[in-house]
Amino acid sequence: MAEKKIERLYYSISEVSEITQLKQYVLRYWETEFPMLHPKKNRAGNRSYRQSDIDTILKIKDLLYNQKYTIEGARERLKAGNVDVSIFDADALKYRKLVKSIKKELQSLLKSLDS
């Protein structure tokens, strides 16, 4: 019988920062600039991101960093709803995590060889 992977419902800002490769202050700033990015906060005031929030962050990152939109342009493009979402699938996130773990392992091996 095949196992079903249970995805988490909520992610902390540090986890989202690691997944998206963005600094936490960038994520907090984008919350002020993009009204569609508004993660819930728990009783302690910590941000709780859902997968849909992470997808929105990745769309914003693509518009700003890859397609070179301004913040205003990216905001308008997201409001219009004509952003290609095919590049923001769950498999891409899995591969990004895998590559990151491989990179860390290789750096560790390189350090041990230098010693």
Protein backbone atom coordinates (compact mmCIF):
# COMPACT_ATOMS: atom_id res chain seq x y z
CA MET A 1 0.00 0.00 0.00
CA ALA A 2 1.38 3.41 -0.99
CA GLU A 3 1.99 5.92 1.76
CA LYS A 4 0.39 9.33 1.50
CA LYS A 5 2.59 12.25 2.39
CA ILE A 6 0.93 14.58 4.86
CA GLU A 7 1.80 18.18 4.17
CA ARG A 8 1.79 20.67 6.99
CA LEU A 9 -1.01 23.18 7.22
CA TYR A 10 1.10 26.00 8.62
CA TYR A 11 4.72 27.08 8.28
CA SER A 12 6.70 29.54 10.40
CA ILE A 13 8.38 32.56 8.85
CA SER A 14 11.79 30.91 9.26
CA GLU A 15 10.60 27.82 7.38
CA VAL A 16 9.10 29.97 4.62
CA SER A 17 12.33 31.96 4.46
CA GLU A 18 14.27 28.74 3.94
CA ILE A 19 11.82 27.35 1.36
CA THR A 20 11.69 30.53 -0.70
CA GLN A 21 15.34 31.53 -0.20
CA LEU A 22 14.26 35.00 0.97
CA LYS A 23 15.21 36.85 4.13
CA GLN A 24 12.55 37.19 6.81
CA TYR A 25 12.59 40.98 6.63
CA VAL A 26 11.80 40.75 2.90
CA LEU A 27 8.77 38.58 3.65
CA ARG A 28 7.56 41.04 6.29
CA TYR A 29 8.08 43.97 3.90
CA TRP A 30 6.17 42.24 1.11
CA GLU A 31 3.21 41.86 3.48
CA THR A 32 2.99 45.65 3.58
CA GLU A 33 3.25 46.00 -0.21
CA PHE A 34 1.06 43.13 -1.43
CA PRO A 35 -2.43 43.01 0.11
CA MET A 36 -2.95 39.45 -1.15
CA LEU A 37 -0.09 38.31 1.08
CA HIS A 38 -1.48 38.35 4.59
CA PRO A 39 -0.52 35.31 6.72
CA LYS A 40 -2.50 34.67 9.85
CA LYS A 41 -0.91 35.29 13.22
CA ASN A 42 -1.25 32.99 16.21
CA ARG A 43 -1.93 34.09 19.79
CA ALA A 44 1.73 34.90 20.33
CA GLY A 45 1.73 37.10 17.22
CA ASN A 46 3.88 34.75 15.13
CA ARG A 47 3.07 34.47 11.44
CA SER A 48 1.53 31.21 10.24
CA TYR A 49 1.89 30.74 6.50
CA ARG A 50 -0.24 28.32 4.48
CA GLN A 51 0.85 26.67 1.24
CA SER A 52 -1.20 29.24 -0.69
CA ASP A 53 0.85 32.02 0.99
CA ILE A 54 4.07 30.30 -0.07
CA ASP A 55 2.76 30.02 -3.64
CA THR A 56 1.95 33.74 -3.63
CA ILE A 57 5.44 34.54 -2.33
CA LEU A 58 7.01 32.48 -5.09
CA LYS A 59 4.88 34.29 -7.69
CA ILE A 60 5.96 37.66 -6.28
CA LYS A 61 9.60 36.57 -6.22
CA ASP A 62 9.41 35.48 -9.86
CA LEU A 63 7.79 38.73 -10.94
CA LEU A 64 10.31 40.89 -9.08
CA TYR A 65 13.55 38.96 -9.49
CA ASN A 66 13.17 37.06 -12.77
CA GLN A 67 10.73 39.12 -14.82
CA LYS A 68 12.10 42.40 -13.41
CA TYR A 69 8.75 43.98 -12.52
CA THR A 70 8.60 46.87 -10.09
CA ILE A 71 6.65 46.33 -6.88
CA GLU A 72 3.76 48.35 -8.31
CA GLY A 73 3.88 46.38 -11.56
CA ALA A 74 3.97 43.04 -9.77
CA ARG A 75 1.07 44.10 -7.55
CA GLU A 76 -1.00 45.03 -10.62
CA ARG A 77 -0.08 41.82 -12.41
CA LEU A 78 -1.13 39.73 -9.41
CA LYS A 79 -4.40 41.67 -9.08
CA ALA A 80 -5.14 41.01 -12.75
CA GLY A 81 -4.65 37.31 -12.07
CA ASN A 82 -2.74 36.55 -15.25
CA VAL A 83 0.42 35.11 -13.68
CA ASP A 84 1.56 31.75 -15.02
CA VAL A 85 1.34 29.40 -12.04
CA SER A 86 2.62 26.29 -13.77
CA ILE A 87 6.16 26.90 -12.49
CA PHE A 88 5.06 27.00 -8.86
CA ASP A 89 4.21 23.38 -8.17
CA ALA A 90 4.95 21.31 -5.11
CA ASP A 91 7.55 19.20 -6.93
CA ALA A 92 9.68 22.28 -7.53
CA LEU A 93 9.79 22.95 -3.79
CA LYS A 94 10.74 19.34 -3.07
CA TYR A 95 13.59 19.50 -5.57
CA ARG A 96 14.79 22.81 -4.17
CA LYS A 97 14.97 21.27 -0.68
CA LEU A 98 16.80 18.23 -2.05
CA VAL A 99 19.35 20.36 -3.89
CA LYS A 100 19.89 22.47 -0.77
CA SER A 101 20.55 19.39 1.37
CA ILE A 102 22.96 18.00 -1.24
CA LYS A 103 24.77 21.34 -1.35
CA LYS A 104 25.18 21.35 2.45
CA GLU A 105 26.51 17.80 2.37
CA LEU A 106 29.02 18.65 -0.37
CA GLN A 107 30.20 21.72 1.57
CA SER A 108 30.67 19.54 4.63
CA LEU A 109 32.71 17.03 2.63
CA LEU A 110 34.81 19.83 1.16
CA LYS A 111 35.59 21.17 4.63
CA SER A 112 36.63 17.72 5.81
CA LEU A 113 38.96 17.35 2.81
CA ASP A 114 40.59 20.73 3.53
CA SER A 115 41.39 19.66 7.10
